[in-house]
Amino acid sequence: MAWDADNQSGEPVGHSVAHVAQNNDEERAMAYATYIHQGRSHVGELRGTQLIPLSGISELGAASSPEVLAGAVREVTRAVSVKDVTLRPVVPNPSKVVCVGLNYRDHVLETRRELPSYPVMFPKYASSLLGAYDDIVLPRESQEVDFEGEMAIVVGRRGRRIAEADSLDYVLGYTVANDITMRDFQHKTHQWMQGKAWDATTPVGPYLVAPDEIDINHAGIRTVLNGEKMQESDLSQLIFTIPALIATISTFTTLHPGDLILTGTPGGVGFTRDPKVFLTDGDRISVEIDGIGAIHNMVLR
């Protein structure tokens, strides 16, 4: 049973978009969701607790440039409450998902590694993604399923070999992710993909938030498991900044609108704890980033 988005008592509130974007019709919340309503997929602009459908756009992705989103007709008469829709992954079908490991100082220290001089990267796929409130189903093959709260960049323009000074011009917005990891599979080799790229394990959402809506250099990030805070940091602790990541990744691959870049997780993950903490049947796990929002997921075996 998916998380009840209306019943989140005991979970962090912070400054999530749903609480701060109480805009009227003349003001833009500058936050968007991909959602299902009455069996059809839509993109909606968040205004307060309502989603206003954008005419002609069924999902955020390859065609979602800033100009397209800004210029789309808002079908105000077809507004729906957030509680009456099913949120899809904020970008359901990215052409690529690039994830960054070891990008918070405290996380590097807890893993007893040296600070990296070049980003550690690995892929996920569109099939890896879940909606913001979907259940996380533990795979039968893994007994060491861990959590990693992260901020994700959503690319808004096509670019290759992007200069660091220009990189923020290629950002469509930001969202929240949980890089669920099968540690027993991750540690089978020096490569991490087999522990990271499992189908239907990575919730992303709930909203795409425009860059000027948040303090991307200092926003707080936290992960809460069954009401207990497990991770807490802020984005100033990133070793490789958002501009640096975009410049580095675009050196070897072309970035396209809708691509996702997961920027790394803070300290406090389960496998570094004593005793270790892994996700089990019935757990409730949340990740929140100030100014962006929160994802909430039930864990099922």
C-alpha atoms as a PDB file:
ATOM      1  CA  MET A   1       0.000   0.000   0.000  1.00  0.00           C
ATOM      2  CA  ALA A   2       1.498   3.338  -1.071  1.00  0.00           C
ATOM      3  CA  TRP A   3       2.245   6.075   1.435  1.00  0.00           C
ATOM      4  CA  ASP A   4      -0.755   8.214   2.365  1.00  0.00           C
ATOM      5  CA  ALA A   5       0.371  11.711   1.361  1.00  0.00           C
ATOM      6  CA  ASP A   6      -2.279  13.207   3.656  1.00  0.00           C
ATOM      7  CA  ASN A   7      -1.045  11.340   6.723  1.00  0.00           C
ATOM      8  CA  GLN A   8       2.530  12.404   7.344  1.00  0.00           C
ATOM      9  CA  SER A   9       2.453  13.188  11.052  1.00  0.00           C
ATOM     10  CA  GLY A  10       5.791  12.656  12.718  1.00  0.00           C
ATOM     11  CA  GLU A  11       7.698  13.317   9.495  1.00  0.00           C
ATOM     12  CA  PRO A  12       9.723  16.452   8.772  1.00  0.00           C
ATOM     13  CA  VAL A  13       7.931  19.490   7.408  1.00  0.00           C
ATOM     14  CA  GLY A  14      10.707  22.032   6.855  1.00  0.00           C
ATOM     15  CA  HIS A  15      10.197  24.412   3.960  1.00  0.00           C
ATOM     16  CA  SER A  16       8.822  22.040   1.360  1.00  0.00           C
ATOM     17  CA  VAL A  17       7.248  23.565  -1.724  1.00  0.00           C
ATOM     18  CA  ALA A  18       3.797  22.322  -0.813  1.00  0.00           C
ATOM     19  CA  HIS A  19       3.904  24.504   2.287  1.00  0.00           C
ATOM     20  CA  VAL A  20       5.498  27.661   0.897  1.00  0.00           C
ATOM     21  CA  ALA A  21       4.002  27.923  -2.568  1.00  0.00           C
ATOM     22  CA  GLN A  22       0.586  29.325  -1.645  1.00  0.00           C
ATOM     23  CA  ASN A  23       0.463  31.467  -4.766  1.00  0.00           C
ATOM     24  CA  ASN A  24      -2.578  33.025  -6.369  1.00  0.00           C
ATOM     25  CA  ASP A  25      -3.460  32.734 -10.058  1.00  0.00           C
ATOM     26  CA  GLU A  26      -1.314  35.734 -10.991  1.00  0.00           C
ATOM     27  CA  GLU A  27       1.794  34.288  -9.320  1.00  0.00           C
ATOM     28  CA  ARG A  28       3.709  31.235 -10.418  1.00  0.00           C
ATOM     29  CA  ALA A  29       4.815  28.598  -7.931  1.00  0.00           C
ATOM     30  CA  MET A  30       7.500  27.485 -10.402  1.00  0.00           C
ATOM     31  CA  ALA A  31       7.131  23.879  -9.352  1.00  0.00           C
ATOM     32  CA  TYR A  32       5.862  21.109 -11.587  1.00  0.00           C
ATOM     33  CA  ALA A  33       4.806  17.475 -11.263  1.00  0.00           C
ATOM     34  CA  THR A  34       4.182  14.596 -13.636  1.00  0.00           C
ATOM     35  CA  TYR A  35       1.038  12.829 -12.467  1.00  0.00           C
ATOM     36  CA  ILE A  36      -1.744  10.426 -13.369  1.00  0.00           C
ATOM     37  CA  HIS A  37      -5.360  11.563 -13.110  1.00  0.00           C
ATOM     38  CA  GLN A  38      -8.287   9.532 -14.373  1.00  0.00           C
ATOM     39  CA  GLY A  39      -5.941   7.172 -16.177  1.00  0.00           C
ATOM     40  CA  ARG A  40      -4.028   9.831 -18.116  1.00  0.00           C
ATOM     41  CA  SER A  41      -0.614  11.368 -17.605  1.00  0.00           C
ATOM     42  CA  HIS A  42      -0.285  15.133 -17.208  1.00  0.00           C
ATOM     43  CA  VAL A  43       2.214  17.789 -16.205  1.00  0.00           C
ATOM     44  CA  GLY A  44       0.855  20.258 -13.694  1.00  0.00           C
ATOM     45  CA  GLU A  45       2.087  23.489 -12.190  1.00  0.00           C
ATOM     46  CA  LEU A  46       1.801  23.490  -8.414  1.00  0.00           C
ATOM     47  CA  ARG A  47      -0.245  26.309  -6.908  1.00  0.00           C
ATOM     48  CA  GLY A  48      -0.832  25.797  -3.234  1.00  0.00           C
ATOM     49  CA  THR A  49      -2.282  22.283  -3.000  1.00  0.00           C
ATOM     50  CA  GLN A  50      -3.593  22.295  -6.579  1.00  0.00           C
ATOM     51  CA  LEU A  51      -2.012  21.107  -9.820  1.00  0.00           C
ATOM     52  CA  ILE A  52      -2.877  23.152 -12.908  1.00  0.00           C
ATOM     53  CA  PRO A  53      -2.487  21.013 -16.072  1.00  0.00           C
ATOM     54  CA  LEU A  54      -0.190  22.331 -18.810  1.00  0.00           C
ATOM     55  CA  SER A  55      -1.918  21.921 -22.159  1.00  0.00           C
ATOM     56  CA  GLY A  56      -0.298  19.439 -24.528  1.00  0.00           C
ATOM     57  CA  ILE A  57       2.378  18.164 -22.114  1.00  0.00           C
ATOM     58  CA  SER A  58       1.942  14.656 -20.709  1.00  0.00           C
ATOM     59  CA  GLU A  59       5.258  14.266 -18.869  1.00  0.00           C
ATOM     60  CA  LEU A  60       8.377  16.185 -17.996  1.00  0.00           C
ATOM     61  CA  GLY A  61      11.301  15.059 -20.108  1.00  0.00           C
ATOM     62  CA  ALA A  62      12.984  15.514 -23.459  1.00  0.00           C
ATOM     63  CA  ALA A  63      10.658  18.309 -24.608  1.00  0.00           C
ATOM     64  CA  SER A  64      10.628  20.204 -21.299  1.00  0.00           C
ATOM     65  CA  SER A  65      12.776  23.255 -21.887  1.00  0.00           C
ATOM     66  CA  PRO A  66      12.249  26.286 -19.637  1.00  0.00           C
ATOM     67  CA  GLU A  67      10.610  28.087 -22.557  1.00  0.00           C
ATOM     68  CA  VAL A  68       8.165  25.233 -23.213  1.00  0.00           C
ATOM     69  CA  LEU A  69       7.072  25.080 -19.585  1.00  0.00           C
ATOM     70  CA  ALA A  70       6.774  28.860 -19.261  1.00  0.00           C
ATOM     71  CA  GLY A  71       4.820  29.186 -22.508  1.00  0.00           C
ATOM     72  CA  ALA A  72       2.351  26.331 -22.037  1.00  0.00           C
ATOM     73  CA  VAL A  73      -1.306  27.189 -21.567  1.00  0.00           C
ATOM     74  CA  ARG A  74      -2.449  26.674 -17.972  1.00  0.00           C
ATOM     75  CA  GLU A  75      -5.811  24.867 -17.955  1.00  0.00           C
ATOM     76  CA  VAL A  76      -6.995  26.437 -14.724  1.00  0.00           C
ATOM     77  CA  THR A  77     -10.520  25.022 -14.997  1.00  0.00           C
ATOM     78  CA  ARG A  78      -9.077  21.486 -14.885  1.00  0.00           C
ATOM     79  CA  ALA A  79      -7.126  21.997 -11.666  1.00  0.00           C
ATOM     80  CA  VAL A  80      -6.925  18.974  -9.372  1.00  0.00           C
ATOM     81  CA  SER A  81      -5.892  18.528  -5.768  1.00  0.00           C
ATOM     82  CA  VAL A  82      -2.502  16.914  -5.185  1.00  0.00           C
ATOM     83  CA  LYS A  83      -4.207  14.346  -2.942  1.00  0.00           C
ATOM     84  CA  ASP A  84      -6.397  13.196  -5.851  1.00  0.00           C
ATOM     85  CA  VAL A  85      -3.582  12.277  -8.233  1.00  0.00           C
ATOM     86  CA  THR A  86      -0.846   9.641  -8.445  1.00  0.00           C
ATOM     87  CA  LEU A  87       2.576  11.187  -8.762  1.00  0.00           C
ATOM     88  CA  ARG A  88       4.905   9.594 -11.303  1.00  0.00           C
ATOM     89  CA  PRO A  89       8.671   9.995 -11.125  1.00  0.00           C
ATOM     90  CA  VAL A  90       9.069  13.712 -11.787  1.00  0.00           C
ATOM     91  CA  VAL A  91      10.860  12.800 -15.052  1.00  0.00           C
ATOM     92  CA  PRO A  92       9.522   9.340 -15.946  1.00  0.00           C
ATOM     93  CA  ASN A  93      11.728   8.611 -18.968  1.00  0.00           C
ATOM     94  CA  PRO A  94      15.093  10.394 -18.824  1.00  0.00           C
ATOM     95  CA  SER A  95      17.584   9.464 -21.528  1.00  0.00           C
ATOM     96  CA  LYS A  96      20.166   9.022 -18.792  1.00  0.00           C
ATOM     97  CA  VAL A  97      20.475   9.046 -15.022  1.00  0.00           C
ATOM     98  CA  VAL A  98      23.988   9.841 -13.795  1.00  0.00           C
ATOM     99  CA  CYS A  99      24.620   9.333 -10.089  1.00  0.00           C
ATOM    100  CA  VAL A 100      27.492  10.730  -8.052  1.00  0.00           C
ATOM    101  CA  GLY A 101      28.965   8.897  -5.078  1.00  0.00           C
ATOM    102  CA  LEU A 102      31.159  10.142  -2.233  1.00  0.00           C
ATOM    103  CA  ASN A 103      30.202  13.786  -2.684  1.00  0.00           C
ATOM    104  CA  TYR A 104      29.636  14.867   0.951  1.00  0.00           C
ATOM    105  CA  ARG A 105      32.641  15.217   3.222  1.00  0.00           C
ATOM    106  CA  ASP A 106      31.035  13.463   6.178  1.00  0.00           C
ATOM    107  CA  HIS A 107      29.956  10.513   4.028  1.00  0.00           C
ATOM    108  CA  VAL A 108      33.483  10.092   2.644  1.00  0.00           C
ATOM    109  CA  LEU A 109      34.874  10.134   6.185  1.00  0.00           C
ATOM    110  CA  GLU A 110      32.374   7.566   7.500  1.00  0.00           C
ATOM    111  CA  THR A 111      33.359   5.192   4.677  1.00  0.00           C
ATOM    112  CA  ARG A 112      37.039   5.671   5.649  1.00  0.00           C
ATOM    113  CA  ARG A 113      38.052   6.847   2.201  1.00  0.00           C
ATOM    114  CA  GLU A 114      40.139   9.799   1.088  1.00  0.00           C
ATOM    115  CA  LEU A 115      38.400  12.814  -0.420  1.00  0.00           C
ATOM    116  CA  PRO A 116      38.086  12.213  -4.174  1.00  0.00           C
ATOM    117  CA  SER A 117      39.808  14.482  -6.686  1.00  0.00           C
ATOM    118  CA  TYR A 118      37.366  13.469  -9.449  1.00  0.00           C
ATOM    119  CA  PRO A 119      33.694  12.556  -9.019  1.00  0.00           C
ATOM    120  CA  VAL A 120      32.760   8.905  -8.538  1.00  0.00           C
ATOM    121  CA  MET A 121      29.932   8.184 -10.995  1.00  0.00           C
ATOM    122  CA  PHE A 122      27.617   5.321 -11.915  1.00  0.00           C
ATOM    123  CA  PRO A 123      24.425   4.952 -13.977  1.00  0.00           C
ATOM    124  CA  LYS A 124      20.828   4.248 -13.240  1.00  0.00           C
ATOM    125  CA  TYR A 125      18.064   3.859 -15.796  1.00  0.00           C
ATOM    126  CA  ALA A 126      14.521   5.068 -16.335  1.00  0.00           C
ATOM    127  CA  SER A 127      13.369   1.634 -15.144  1.00  0.00           C
ATOM    128  CA  SER A 128      15.061   2.325 -11.781  1.00  0.00           C
ATOM    129  CA  LEU A 129      12.697   5.170 -10.924  1.00  0.00           C
ATOM    130  CA  LEU A 130       9.628   5.331  -8.660  1.00  0.00           C
ATOM    131  CA  GLY A 131       7.135   8.042  -7.808  1.00  0.00           C
ATOM    132  CA  ALA A 132       7.496  10.182  -4.697  1.00  0.00           C
ATOM    133  CA  TYR A 133       5.002   8.134  -2.627  1.00  0.00           C
ATOM    134  CA  ASP A 134       5.326   4.715  -4.264  1.00  0.00           C
ATOM    135  CA  ASP A 135       6.176   1.617  -2.241  1.00  0.00           C
ATOM    136  CA  ILE A 136       9.781   0.441  -2.263  1.00  0.00           C
ATOM    137  CA  VAL A 137       9.657  -3.340  -2.700  1.00  0.00           C
ATOM    138  CA  LEU A 138      12.760  -5.026  -1.320  1.00  0.00           C
ATOM    139  CA  PRO A 139      14.278  -7.451  -3.833  1.00  0.00           C
ATOM    140  CA  ARG A 140      14.317 -11.069  -2.683  1.00  0.00           C
ATOM    141  CA  GLU A 141      17.992 -11.383  -3.642  1.00  0.00           C
ATOM    142  CA  SER A 142      19.307  -8.702  -1.269  1.00  0.00           C
ATOM    143  CA  GLN A 143      19.403  -8.640   2.530  1.00  0.00           C
ATOM    144  CA  GLU A 144      21.282  -5.319   2.830  1.00  0.00           C
ATOM    145  CA  VAL A 145      19.057  -2.609   1.344  1.00  0.00           C
ATOM    146  CA  ASP A 146      20.214   0.866   2.352  1.00  0.00           C
ATOM    147  CA  PHE A 147      18.946   4.447   2.013  1.00  0.00           C
ATOM    148  CA  GLU A 148      20.712   7.497   0.546  1.00  0.00           C
ATOM    149  CA  GLY A 149      18.847  10.808   0.541  1.00  0.00           C
ATOM    150  CA  GLU A 150      19.959  13.029  -2.341  1.00  0.00           C
ATOM    151  CA  MET A 151      19.192  16.120  -4.372  1.00  0.00           C
ATOM    152  CA  ALA A 152      18.782  15.560  -8.112  1.00  0.00           C
ATOM    153  CA  ILE A 153      19.418  18.022 -10.921  1.00  0.00           C
ATOM    154  CA  VAL A 154      17.009  18.011 -13.856  1.00  0.00           C
ATOM    155  CA  VAL A 155      18.677  19.118 -17.086  1.00  0.00           C
ATOM    156  CA  GLY A 156      16.775  21.668 -19.181  1.00  0.00           C
ATOM    157  CA  ARG A 157      18.910  22.166 -22.298  1.00  0.00           C
ATOM    158  CA  ARG A 158      21.021  20.020 -24.597  1.00  0.00           C
ATOM    159  CA  GLY A 159      24.732  20.524 -24.040  1.00  0.00           C
ATOM    160  CA  ARG A 160      28.149  18.974 -24.480  1.00  0.00           C
ATOM    161  CA  ARG A 161      31.440  20.207 -22.975  1.00  0.00           C
ATOM    162  CA  ILE A 162      29.559  22.805 -20.960  1.00  0.00           C
ATOM    163  CA  ALA A 163      31.770  25.380 -19.273  1.00  0.00           C
ATOM    164  CA  GLU A 164      31.412  25.438 -15.509  1.00  0.00           C
ATOM    165  CA  ALA A 165      30.648  29.166 -15.645  1.00  0.00           C
ATOM    166  CA  ASP A 166      27.690  28.485 -17.978  1.00  0.00           C
ATOM    167  CA  SER A 167      26.439  25.272 -16.419  1.00  0.00           C
ATOM    168  CA  LEU A 168      23.536  26.659 -14.381  1.00  0.00           C
ATOM    169  CA  ASP A 169      21.953  27.880 -17.629  1.00  0.00           C
ATOM    170  CA  TYR A 170      21.382  24.191 -18.429  1.00  0.00           C
ATOM    171  CA  VAL A 171      19.439  23.431 -15.245  1.00  0.00           C
ATOM    172  CA  LEU A 172      15.668  23.105 -15.528  1.00  0.00           C
ATOM    173  CA  GLY A 173      15.250  22.576 -11.808  1.00  0.00           C
ATOM    174  CA  TYR A 174      15.845  20.362  -8.797  1.00  0.00           C
ATOM    175  CA  THR A 175      14.052  17.487  -7.125  1.00  0.00           C
ATOM    176  CA  VAL A 176      14.451  14.945  -4.307  1.00  0.00           C
ATOM    177  CA  ALA A 177      15.676  11.365  -4.655  1.00  0.00           C
ATOM    178  CA  ASN A 178      16.495   8.330  -2.539  1.00  0.00           C
ATOM    179  CA  ASP A 179      19.367   6.327  -4.029  1.00  0.00           C
ATOM    180  CA  ILE A 180      18.250   2.981  -2.607  1.00  0.00           C
ATOM    181  CA  THR A 181      21.282   0.669  -2.628  1.00  0.00           C
ATOM    182  CA  MET A 182      21.694  -3.093  -2.348  1.00  0.00           C
ATOM    183  CA  ARG A 183      24.966  -3.062  -0.382  1.00  0.00           C
ATOM    184  CA  ASP A 184      25.611  -6.806  -0.641  1.00  0.00           C
ATOM    185  CA  PHE A 185      25.497  -6.467  -4.430  1.00  0.00           C
ATOM    186  CA  GLN A 186      27.370  -3.152  -4.556  1.00  0.00           C
ATOM    187  CA  HIS A 187      30.338  -4.721  -2.781  1.00  0.00           C
ATOM    188  CA  LYS A 188      30.616  -7.727  -5.086  1.00  0.00           C
ATOM    189  CA  THR A 189      33.028  -5.748  -7.316  1.00  0.00           C
ATOM    190  CA  HIS A 190      34.816  -2.413  -7.432  1.00  0.00           C
ATOM    191  CA  GLN A 191      32.091  -1.161  -9.771  1.00  0.00           C
ATOM    192  CA  TRP A 192      28.824  -0.107  -8.119  1.00  0.00           C
ATOM    193  CA  MET A 193      26.218  -0.513 -10.853  1.00  0.00           C
ATOM    194  CA  GLN A 194      24.969  -3.940  -9.727  1.00  0.00           C
ATOM    195  CA  GLY A 195      24.074  -2.490  -6.324  1.00  0.00           C
ATOM    196  CA  LYS A 196      22.479   0.684  -7.610  1.00  0.00           C
ATOM    197  CA  ALA A 197      20.536   0.153 -10.841  1.00  0.00           C
ATOM    198  CA  TRP A 198      17.768  -2.222  -9.692  1.00  0.00           C
ATOM    199  CA  ASP A 199      14.374  -1.757 -11.304  1.00  0.00           C
ATOM    200  CA  ALA A 200      11.729   0.269  -9.430  1.00  0.00           C
ATOM    201  CA  THR A 201      13.837   1.173  -6.398  1.00  0.00           C
ATOM    202  CA  THR A 202      14.665   4.893  -6.697  1.00  0.00           C
ATOM    203  CA  PRO A 203      11.892   7.365  -5.783  1.00  0.00           C
ATOM    204  CA  VAL A 204      12.235  10.785  -7.424  1.00  0.00           C
ATOM    205  CA  GLY A 205       9.967  13.790  -6.824  1.00  0.00           C
ATOM    206  CA  PRO A 206       7.558  15.009  -5.770  1.00  0.00           C
ATOM    207  CA  TYR A 207       8.141  18.206  -7.742  1.00  0.00           C
ATOM    208  CA  LEU A 208      10.520  19.811 -10.165  1.00  0.00           C
ATOM    209  CA  VAL A 209      11.369  23.133  -8.524  1.00  0.00           C
ATOM    210  CA  ALA A 210      12.800  26.020 -10.552  1.00  0.00           C
ATOM    211  CA  PRO A 211      16.366  27.076  -9.663  1.00  0.00           C
ATOM    212  CA  ASP A 212      15.450  30.545  -8.390  1.00  0.00           C
ATOM    213  CA  GLU A 213      12.980  29.087  -5.874  1.00  0.00           C
ATOM    214  CA  ILE A 214      15.592  27.634  -3.508  1.00  0.00           C
ATOM    215  CA  ASP A 215      18.935  28.456  -1.922  1.00  0.00           C
ATOM    216  CA  ILE A 216      20.850  25.772  -3.722  1.00  0.00           C
ATOM    217  CA  ASN A 217      24.089  26.544  -1.887  1.00  0.00           C
ATOM    218  CA  HIS A 218      22.743  26.062   1.642  1.00  0.00           C
ATOM    219  CA  ALA A 219      19.430  24.170   1.570  1.00  0.00           C
ATOM    220  CA  GLY A 220      19.126  21.526   4.272  1.00  0.00           C
ATOM    221  CA  ILE A 221      18.713  17.843   3.433  1.00  0.00           C
ATOM    222  CA  ARG A 222      17.572  15.095   5.809  1.00  0.00           C
ATOM    223  CA  THR A 223      16.489  11.453   5.792  1.00  0.00           C
ATOM    224  CA  VAL A 224      14.048  10.097   8.381  1.00  0.00           C
ATOM    225  CA  LEU A 225      13.455   6.381   9.009  1.00  0.00           C
ATOM    226  CA  ASN A 226      10.426   5.447  11.124  1.00  0.00           C
ATOM    227  CA  GLY A 227      10.451   8.899  12.734  1.00  0.00           C
ATOM    228  CA  GLU A 228      14.194   8.849  13.535  1.00  0.00           C
ATOM    229  CA  LYS A 229      16.499  11.264  11.744  1.00  0.00           C
ATOM    230  CA  MET A 230      19.264   9.268  10.075  1.00  0.00           C
ATOM    231  CA  GLN A 231      20.914  11.833   7.780  1.00  0.00           C
ATOM    232  CA  GLU A 232      21.118  15.607   8.027  1.00  0.00           C
ATOM    233  CA  SER A 233      23.357  18.046   6.192  1.00  0.00           C
ATOM    234  CA  ASP A 234      23.132  20.932   3.758  1.00  0.00           C
ATOM    235  CA  LEU A 235      24.165  21.448   0.162  1.00  0.00           C
ATOM    236  CA  SER A 236      27.168  23.578   1.114  1.00  0.00           C
ATOM    237  CA  GLN A 237      28.846  20.290   2.060  1.00  0.00           C
ATOM    238  CA  LEU A 238      29.019  19.025  -1.530  1.00  0.00           C
ATOM    239  CA  ILE A 239      32.616  18.292  -2.525  1.00  0.00           C
ATOM    240  CA  PHE A 240      31.861  18.759  -6.232  1.00  0.00           C
ATOM    241  CA  THR A 241      29.418  21.598  -6.797  1.00  0.00           C
ATOM    242  CA  ILE A 242      26.479  21.527  -9.170  1.00  0.00           C
ATOM    243  CA  PRO A 243      28.349  23.563 -11.839  1.00  0.00           C
ATOM    244  CA  ALA A 244      31.370  21.298 -11.504  1.00  0.00           C
ATOM    245  CA  LEU A 245      29.268  18.156 -11.902  1.00  0.00           C
ATOM    246  CA  ILE A 246      27.505  19.438 -15.014  1.00  0.00           C
ATOM    247  CA  ALA A 247      30.803  20.483 -16.585  1.00  0.00           C
ATOM    248  CA  THR A 248      32.463  17.161 -15.725  1.00  0.00           C
ATOM    249  CA  ILE A 249      29.644  14.918 -16.948  1.00  0.00           C
ATOM    250  CA  SER A 250      29.063  16.868 -20.154  1.00  0.00           C
ATOM    251  CA  THR A 251      32.731  16.420 -21.031  1.00  0.00           C
ATOM    252  CA  PHE A 252      32.136  12.759 -21.908  1.00  0.00           C
ATOM    253  CA  THR A 253      28.404  12.619 -22.715  1.00  0.00           C
ATOM    254  CA  THR A 254      25.805  14.957 -24.157  1.00  0.00           C
ATOM    255  CA  LEU A 255      23.224  16.060 -21.627  1.00  0.00           C
ATOM    256  CA  HIS A 256      19.632  16.277 -22.837  1.00  0.00           C
ATOM    257  CA  PRO A 257      16.524  17.898 -21.390  1.00  0.00           C
ATOM    258  CA  GLY A 258      15.032  15.639 -18.753  1.00  0.00           C
ATOM    259  CA  ASP A 259      18.295  13.926 -17.847  1.00  0.00           C
ATOM    260  CA  LEU A 260      18.827  13.441 -14.109  1.00  0.00           C
ATOM    261  CA  ILE A 261      21.998  13.918 -12.089  1.00  0.00           C
ATOM    262  CA  LEU A 262      21.867  12.591  -8.521  1.00  0.00           C
ATOM    263  CA  THR A 263      24.398  14.618  -6.555  1.00  0.00           C
ATOM    264  CA  GLY A 264      25.416  12.298  -3.704  1.00  0.00           C
ATOM    265  CA  THR A 265      24.333  11.560  -0.142  1.00  0.00           C
ATOM    266  CA  PRO A 266      25.364  12.914   3.288  1.00  0.00           C
ATOM    267  CA  GLY A 267      26.750  10.858   6.157  1.00  0.00           C
ATOM    268  CA  GLY A 268      24.516   8.614   8.230  1.00  0.00           C
ATOM    269  CA  VAL A 269      23.742   5.815   5.777  1.00  0.00           C
ATOM    270  CA  GLY A 270      22.805   2.463   7.242  1.00  0.00           C
ATOM    271  CA  PHE A 271      25.795   0.294   6.390  1.00  0.00           C
ATOM    272  CA  THR A 272      28.277   2.557   8.221  1.00  0.00           C
ATOM    273  CA  ARG A 273      26.325   2.420  11.495  1.00  0.00           C
ATOM    274  CA  ASP A 274      27.068   0.147  14.444  1.00  0.00           C
ATOM    275  CA  PRO A 275      24.929  -1.867  14.399  1.00  0.00           C
ATOM    276  CA  LYS A 276      24.156  -1.584  10.696  1.00  0.00           C
ATOM    277  CA  VAL A 277      20.682  -0.377   9.726  1.00  0.00           C
ATOM    278  CA  PHE A 278      19.052  -1.832   6.631  1.00  0.00           C
ATOM    279  CA  LEU A 279      15.519  -1.361   5.369  1.00  0.00           C
ATOM    280  CA  THR A 280      12.961  -3.966   6.389  1.00  0.00           C
ATOM    281  CA  ASP A 281       9.326  -4.762   5.691  1.00  0.00           C
ATOM    282  CA  GLY A 282       7.009  -2.083   7.102  1.00  0.00           C
ATOM    283  CA  ASP A 283       9.586   0.705   7.350  1.00  0.00           C
ATOM    284  CA  ARG A 284       8.668   4.285   6.476  1.00  0.00           C
ATOM    285  CA  ILE A 285      11.447   6.280   4.868  1.00  0.00           C
ATOM    286  CA  SER A 286      11.403   9.994   3.965  1.00  0.00           C
ATOM    287  CA  VAL A 287      13.853  12.366   2.315  1.00  0.00           C
ATOM    288  CA  GLU A 288      13.326  16.126   2.469  1.00  0.00           C
ATOM    289  CA  ILE A 289      15.208  19.078   1.020  1.00  0.00           C
ATOM    290  CA  ASP A 290      14.311  22.590   2.131  1.00  0.00           C
ATOM    291  CA  GLY A 291      12.582  24.519  -0.633  1.00  0.00           C
ATOM    292  CA  ILE A 292      12.112  21.474  -2.859  1.00  0.00           C
ATOM    293  CA  GLY A 293       9.849  19.102  -0.968  1.00  0.00           C
ATOM    294  CA  ALA A 294       9.787  15.605   0.481  1.00  0.00           C
ATOM    295  CA  ILE A 295       9.381  12.042  -0.727  1.00  0.00           C
ATOM    296  CA  HIS A 296       7.741   9.480   1.561  1.00  0.00           C
ATOM    297  CA  ASN A 297       7.818   5.752   0.895  1.00  0.00           C
ATOM    298  CA  MET A 298       6.646   2.562   2.544  1.00  0.00           C
ATOM    299  CA  VAL A 299       9.043  -0.386   2.416  1.00  0.00           C
ATOM    300  CA  LEU A 300       7.627  -3.821   1.613  1.00  0.00           C
ATOM    301  CA  ARG A 301       9.302  -7.221   1.389  1.00  0.00           C
END
